[in-house]
C-alpha atoms as a PDB file:
ATOM      1  CA  MET A   1     -11.001  30.483   6.409  1.00  0.00           C
ATOM      2  CA  PRO A   2     -14.729  31.177   6.117  1.00  0.00           C
ATOM      3  CA  ASP A   3     -17.023  30.163   8.985  1.00  0.00           C
ATOM      4  CA  LEU A   4     -19.037  27.039   8.298  1.00  0.00           C
ATOM      5  CA  PRO A   5     -22.352  26.830  10.164  1.00  0.00           C
ATOM      6  CA  GLY A   6     -22.300  23.927  12.615  1.00  0.00           C
ATOM      7  CA  PHE A   7     -18.539  23.455  12.356  1.00  0.00           C
ATOM      8  CA  SER A   8     -17.293  26.200  14.673  1.00  0.00           C
ATOM      9  CA  TRP A   9     -15.755  23.510  16.911  1.00  0.00           C
ATOM     10  CA  MET A  10     -13.331  22.533  14.123  1.00  0.00           C
ATOM     11  CA  LYS A  11      -9.999  24.237  13.808  1.00  0.00           C
ATOM     12  CA  PRO A  12      -8.135  24.203  10.473  1.00  0.00           C
ATOM     13  CA  PHE A  13      -5.175  21.851  10.423  1.00  0.00           C
ATOM     14  CA  LEU A  14      -3.880  22.744   6.980  1.00  0.00           C
ATOM     15  CA  SER A  15      -3.262  26.072   5.405  1.00  0.00           C
ATOM     16  CA  SER A  16      -3.720  26.721   1.708  1.00  0.00           C
ATOM     17  CA  ARG A  17       0.090  26.797   1.502  1.00  0.00           C
ATOM     18  CA  ASP A  18       0.078  23.079   2.400  1.00  0.00           C
ATOM     19  CA  LEU A  19      -1.887  22.083  -0.721  1.00  0.00           C
ATOM     20  CA  VAL A  20      -1.023  21.529  -4.366  1.00  0.00           C
ATOM     21  CA  TYR A  21      -3.424  20.227  -6.987  1.00  0.00           C
ATOM     22  CA  ILE A  22      -2.007  18.560 -10.096  1.00  0.00           C
ATOM     23  CA  GLY A  23      -3.883  17.699 -13.276  1.00  0.00           C
ATOM     24  CA  LEU A  24      -6.894  19.977 -12.984  1.00  0.00           C
ATOM     25  CA  ARG A  25      -9.323  20.264 -15.864  1.00  0.00           C
ATOM     26  CA  ASP A  26     -12.991  21.138 -16.062  1.00  0.00           C
ATOM     27  CA  VAL A  27     -12.794  23.322 -12.940  1.00  0.00           C
ATOM     28  CA  ASP A  28     -16.146  24.894 -12.129  1.00  0.00           C
ATOM     29  CA  PRO A  29     -16.422  28.604 -11.213  1.00  0.00           C
ATOM     30  CA  GLY A  30     -16.846  27.927  -7.480  1.00  0.00           C
ATOM     31  CA  GLU A  31     -13.755  25.722  -7.373  1.00  0.00           C
ATOM     32  CA  HIS A  32     -11.777  28.297  -9.348  1.00  0.00           C
ATOM     33  CA  TYR A  33     -12.854  31.015  -6.926  1.00  0.00           C
ATOM     34  CA  ILE A  34     -11.664  28.938  -3.943  1.00  0.00           C
ATOM     35  CA  LEU A  35      -8.306  28.158  -5.583  1.00  0.00           C
ATOM     36  CA  LYS A  36      -7.676  31.819  -6.395  1.00  0.00           C
ATOM     37  CA  THR A  37      -9.076  33.321  -3.198  1.00  0.00           C
ATOM     38  CA  LEU A  38      -7.159  30.987  -0.901  1.00  0.00           C
ATOM     39  CA  GLY A  39      -4.010  31.097  -3.045  1.00  0.00           C
ATOM     40  CA  ILE A  40      -3.847  27.327  -3.478  1.00  0.00           C
ATOM     41  CA  GLN A  41      -1.038  26.223  -5.797  1.00  0.00           C
ATOM     42  CA  TYR A  42      -2.327  24.191  -8.730  1.00  0.00           C
ATOM     43  CA  PHE A  43      -1.236  22.862 -12.088  1.00  0.00           C
ATOM     44  CA  SER A  44      -3.811  22.315 -14.794  1.00  0.00           C
ATOM     45  CA  MET A  45      -3.380  19.796 -17.581  1.00  0.00           C
ATOM     46  CA  ARG A  46      -2.425  22.757 -19.756  1.00  0.00           C
ATOM     47  CA  ASP A  47       0.369  23.556 -17.285  1.00  0.00           C
ATOM     48  CA  ILE A  48       1.554  19.947 -17.456  1.00  0.00           C
ATOM     49  CA  ASP A  49       1.524  20.100 -21.262  1.00  0.00           C
ATOM     50  CA  ARG A  50       3.471  23.369 -21.198  1.00  0.00           C
ATOM     51  CA  LEU A  51       5.971  22.638 -18.412  1.00  0.00           C
ATOM     52  CA  GLY A  52       6.213  18.855 -18.414  1.00  0.00           C
ATOM     53  CA  ILE A  53       5.498  16.615 -15.449  1.00  0.00           C
ATOM     54  CA  GLN A  54       9.104  16.723 -14.191  1.00  0.00           C
ATOM     55  CA  ARG A  55       9.058  20.496 -13.772  1.00  0.00           C
ATOM     56  CA  VAL A  56       5.562  20.397 -12.283  1.00  0.00           C
ATOM     57  CA  MET A  57       6.806  17.968  -9.628  1.00  0.00           C
ATOM     58  CA  GLU A  58       9.941  20.032  -8.984  1.00  0.00           C
ATOM     59  CA  GLU A  59       7.812  23.134  -8.412  1.00  0.00           C
ATOM     60  CA  THR A  60       5.309  21.149  -6.339  1.00  0.00           C
ATOM     61  CA  LEU A  61       7.925  19.731  -4.004  1.00  0.00           C
ATOM     62  CA  ASP A  62       9.714  23.066  -3.751  1.00  0.00           C
ATOM     63  CA  HIS A  63       6.405  24.713  -2.833  1.00  0.00           C
ATOM     64  CA  LEU A  64       5.498  22.071  -0.247  1.00  0.00           C
ATOM     65  CA  LEU A  65       8.910  21.442   1.231  1.00  0.00           C
ATOM     66  CA  GLY A  66      11.406  24.134   0.310  1.00  0.00           C
ATOM     67  CA  SER A  67      14.109  23.550   2.894  1.00  0.00           C
ATOM     68  CA  ASN A  68      11.609  22.235   5.442  1.00  0.00           C
ATOM     69  CA  GLN A  69      11.577  18.425   5.404  1.00  0.00           C
ATOM     70  CA  ARG A  70       8.197  17.359   6.751  1.00  0.00           C
ATOM     71  CA  PRO A  71       5.767  14.475   6.250  1.00  0.00           C
ATOM     72  CA  LEU A  72       3.683  14.413   3.073  1.00  0.00           C
ATOM     73  CA  HIS A  73       0.127  13.188   2.595  1.00  0.00           C
ATOM     74  CA  LEU A  74      -0.694  12.155  -0.969  1.00  0.00           C
ATOM     75  CA  SER A  75      -4.364  12.272  -1.873  1.00  0.00           C
ATOM     76  CA  PHE A  76      -4.703  10.839  -5.372  1.00  0.00           C
ATOM     77  CA  ASP A  77      -7.994  10.961  -7.270  1.00  0.00           C
ATOM     78  CA  ILE A  78      -8.048   8.225  -9.918  1.00  0.00           C
ATOM     79  CA  ASP A  79     -10.157  10.524 -12.098  1.00  0.00           C
ATOM     80  CA  ALA A  80      -7.071  12.711 -12.568  1.00  0.00           C
ATOM     81  CA  PHE A  81      -6.165  10.116 -15.197  1.00  0.00           C
ATOM     82  CA  ASP A  82      -7.684  10.211 -18.623  1.00  0.00           C
ATOM     83  CA  PRO A  83     -10.885   8.119 -18.674  1.00  0.00           C
ATOM     84  CA  SER A  84      -9.361   5.891 -21.355  1.00  0.00           C
ATOM     85  CA  LEU A  85      -7.124   4.611 -18.521  1.00  0.00           C
ATOM     86  CA  ALA A  86      -9.510   4.896 -15.560  1.00  0.00           C
ATOM     87  CA  PRO A  87     -13.052   4.535 -16.890  1.00  0.00           C
ATOM     88  CA  ALA A  88     -14.666   3.283 -13.656  1.00  0.00           C
ATOM     89  CA  THR A  89     -14.893   6.608 -11.865  1.00  0.00           C
ATOM     90  CA  GLY A  90     -17.582   9.176 -11.119  1.00  0.00           C
ATOM     91  CA  THR A  91     -16.156  12.145 -12.987  1.00  0.00           C
ATOM     92  CA  PRO A  92     -14.444  10.997 -16.178  1.00  0.00           C
ATOM     93  CA  VAL A  93     -13.145  14.026 -18.095  1.00  0.00           C
ATOM     94  CA  ILE A  94     -11.084  13.563 -21.237  1.00  0.00           C
ATOM     95  CA  GLY A  95      -7.599  15.038 -21.363  1.00  0.00           C
ATOM     96  CA  GLY A  96      -6.374  13.718 -18.015  1.00  0.00           C
ATOM     97  CA  LEU A  97      -3.022  12.406 -16.907  1.00  0.00           C
ATOM     98  CA  THR A  98      -1.274   9.740 -18.935  1.00  0.00           C
ATOM     99  CA  TYR A  99      -0.119   6.571 -17.221  1.00  0.00           C
ATOM    100  CA  ARG A 100       3.471   7.814 -17.283  1.00  0.00           C
ATOM    101  CA  GLU A 101       2.570  11.205 -15.786  1.00  0.00           C
ATOM    102  CA  GLY A 102       0.514   9.716 -12.954  1.00  0.00           C
ATOM    103  CA  ILE A 103       3.088   7.099 -12.056  1.00  0.00           C
ATOM    104  CA  TYR A 104       5.845   9.740 -12.207  1.00  0.00           C
ATOM    105  CA  ILE A 105       3.956  11.800  -9.616  1.00  0.00           C
ATOM    106  CA  ALA A 106       3.717   8.786  -7.308  1.00  0.00           C
ATOM    107  CA  GLU A 107       7.386   7.873  -7.833  1.00  0.00           C
ATOM    108  CA  GLU A 108       8.555  11.403  -7.073  1.00  0.00           C
ATOM    109  CA  ILE A 109       6.517  11.526  -3.874  1.00  0.00           C
ATOM    110  CA  HIS A 110       8.111   8.219  -2.856  1.00  0.00           C
ATOM    111  CA  ASN A 111      11.588   9.511  -3.737  1.00  0.00           C
ATOM    112  CA  THR A 112      11.261  12.274  -1.147  1.00  0.00           C
ATOM    113  CA  GLY A 113      11.243   9.644   1.595  1.00  0.00           C
ATOM    114  CA  LEU A 114       8.605  11.784   3.311  1.00  0.00           C
ATOM    115  CA  LEU A 115       5.355  10.026   2.383  1.00  0.00           C
ATOM    116  CA  SER A 116       3.520   9.443   5.644  1.00  0.00           C
ATOM    117  CA  ALA A 117      -0.079   8.962   4.519  1.00  0.00           C
ATOM    118  CA  MET A 118      -1.936   8.310   1.304  1.00  0.00           C
ATOM    119  CA  ASP A 119      -5.436   7.937   0.061  1.00  0.00           C
ATOM    120  CA  LEU A 120      -6.558   6.940  -3.408  1.00  0.00           C
ATOM    121  CA  VAL A 121     -10.151   7.870  -4.147  1.00  0.00           C
ATOM    122  CA  GLU A 122     -12.815   7.988  -6.847  1.00  0.00           C
ATOM    123  CA  VAL A 123     -12.400   4.344  -7.905  1.00  0.00           C
ATOM    124  CA  ASN A 124     -15.991   3.229  -8.479  1.00  0.00           C
ATOM    125  CA  PRO A 125     -16.344  -0.231 -10.042  1.00  0.00           C
ATOM    126  CA  ILE A 126     -20.134   0.101 -10.259  1.00  0.00           C
ATOM    127  CA  LEU A 127     -19.660   2.861 -12.858  1.00  0.00           C
ATOM    128  CA  GLY A 128     -17.469   0.724 -15.113  1.00  0.00           C
ATOM    129  CA  ALA A 129     -19.230  -0.078 -18.383  1.00  0.00           C
ATOM    130  CA  SER A 130     -17.656  -3.531 -18.451  1.00  0.00           C
ATOM    131  CA  ARG A 131     -15.600  -5.918 -16.381  1.00  0.00           C
ATOM    132  CA  ALA A 132     -12.531  -4.793 -18.363  1.00  0.00           C
ATOM    133  CA  ALA A 133     -13.217  -1.146 -17.417  1.00  0.00           C
ATOM    134  CA  MET A 134     -13.494  -2.062 -13.733  1.00  0.00           C
ATOM    135  CA  GLU A 135     -10.315  -4.137 -13.824  1.00  0.00           C
ATOM    136  CA  ALA A 136      -8.358  -1.460 -15.715  1.00  0.00           C
ATOM    137  CA  THR A 137      -9.277   1.188 -13.149  1.00  0.00           C
ATOM    138  CA  ALA A 138      -8.504  -1.080 -10.199  1.00  0.00           C
ATOM    139  CA  ALA A 139      -5.160  -2.137 -11.718  1.00  0.00           C
ATOM    140  CA  LEU A 140      -4.228   1.493 -12.292  1.00  0.00           C
ATOM    141  CA  ALA A 141      -5.061   2.290  -8.666  1.00  0.00           C
ATOM    142  CA  VAL A 142      -2.795  -0.564  -7.531  1.00  0.00           C
ATOM    143  CA  ASP A 143       0.013   0.751  -9.755  1.00  0.00           C
ATOM    144  CA  VAL A 144      -0.270   4.242  -8.251  1.00  0.00           C
ATOM    145  CA  ILE A 145      -0.191   2.875  -4.706  1.00  0.00           C
ATOM    146  CA  ALA A 146       2.717   0.535  -5.457  1.00  0.00           C
ATOM    147  CA  SER A 147       4.694   3.360  -7.078  1.00  0.00           C
ATOM    148  CA  SER A 148       4.062   5.596  -4.078  1.00  0.00           C
ATOM    149  CA  LEU A 149       5.480   2.856  -1.885  1.00  0.00           C
ATOM    150  CA  GLY A 150       8.626   2.334  -3.934  1.00  0.00           C
ATOM    151  CA  GLN A 151       7.841   0.111  -6.896  1.00  0.00           C
ATOM    152  CA  THR A 152       9.626   1.533  -9.929  1.00  0.00           C
ATOM    153  CA  ARG A 153       9.102   0.978 -13.611  1.00  0.00           C
ATOM    154  CA  GLU A 154      12.658  -0.316 -13.845  1.00  0.00           C
ATOM    155  CA  GLY A 155      11.926  -2.868 -11.132  1.00  0.00           C
ATOM    156  CA  SER A 156      12.191  -2.774  -7.376  1.00  0.00           C
ATOM    157  CA  HIS A 157      15.789  -3.569  -6.568  1.00  0.00           C
ATOM    158  CA  VAL A 158      17.876  -3.513  -3.444  1.00  0.00           C
ATOM    159  CA  ARG A 159      20.673  -0.969  -3.732  1.00  0.00           C
ATOM    160  CA  LEU A 160      23.982  -2.625  -4.543  1.00  0.00           C
ATOM    161  CA  ASP A 161      27.371  -0.994  -4.115  1.00  0.00           C
ATOM    162  CA  GLU A 162      29.130  -3.667  -6.178  1.00  0.00           C
ATOM    163  CA  ILE A 163      28.285  -6.364  -8.676  1.00  0.00           C
ATOM    164  CA  PRO A 164      27.463  -9.594  -6.845  1.00  0.00           C
ATOM    165  CA  SER A 165      29.756 -12.558  -7.458  1.00  0.00           C
ATOM    166  CA  ALA A 166      28.494 -15.452  -9.542  1.00  0.00           C
ATOM    167  CA  LYS A 167      26.846 -18.267  -7.651  1.00  0.00           C
ATOM    168  CA  GLU A 168      28.191 -21.780  -8.045  1.00  0.00           C
ATOM    169  CA  ASP A 169      25.119 -22.970  -9.928  1.00  0.00           C
ATOM    170  CA  THR A 170      25.599 -20.223 -12.547  1.00  0.00           C
ATOM    171  CA  GLU A 171      29.337 -20.738 -12.913  1.00  0.00           C
ATOM    172  CA  GLN A 172      28.778 -23.132 -15.848  1.00  0.00           C
ATOM    173  CA  LEU A 173      26.790 -20.415 -17.688  1.00  0.00           C
ATOM    174  CA  ARG A 174      29.772 -18.062 -17.649  1.00  0.00           C
ATOM    175  CA  LEU A 175      32.046 -20.503 -19.553  1.00  0.00           C
END
């Protein structure tokens, strides 16, 4: 890790092996240099198009966890989504994640049972061109958080090992 003037008192907590970026596009030369030099695992939108989001998540979780089950921190930038979905953000770049891809990422992190911390950033209502743009971005952020915490697109259900018996008040409906 390079020395940062004025920050010699700080000790790195994460190694580059502990990071994975998903959904990169419009990476500037300095960012690209850091990713390559530090060996940070990343998947561009082109990678997602080529591999599919399921395989990207399989490789991500294998990279981060392997056989070592440890807590995960999810840092989700709302601008990873396409700006047609999240317009109220500071860096809208076309060609971002679809709703399904972004929610799948959150669901898969939840499915590990290892999510210990999360932040969702880059939501900026002031930059929304309209009230609808602000509300769409905020609603998307809520969906990502809810999915990370267990809400599924098929509904949040308690696990059942058998079909529940009919209640008395629904007995008439079965006739």
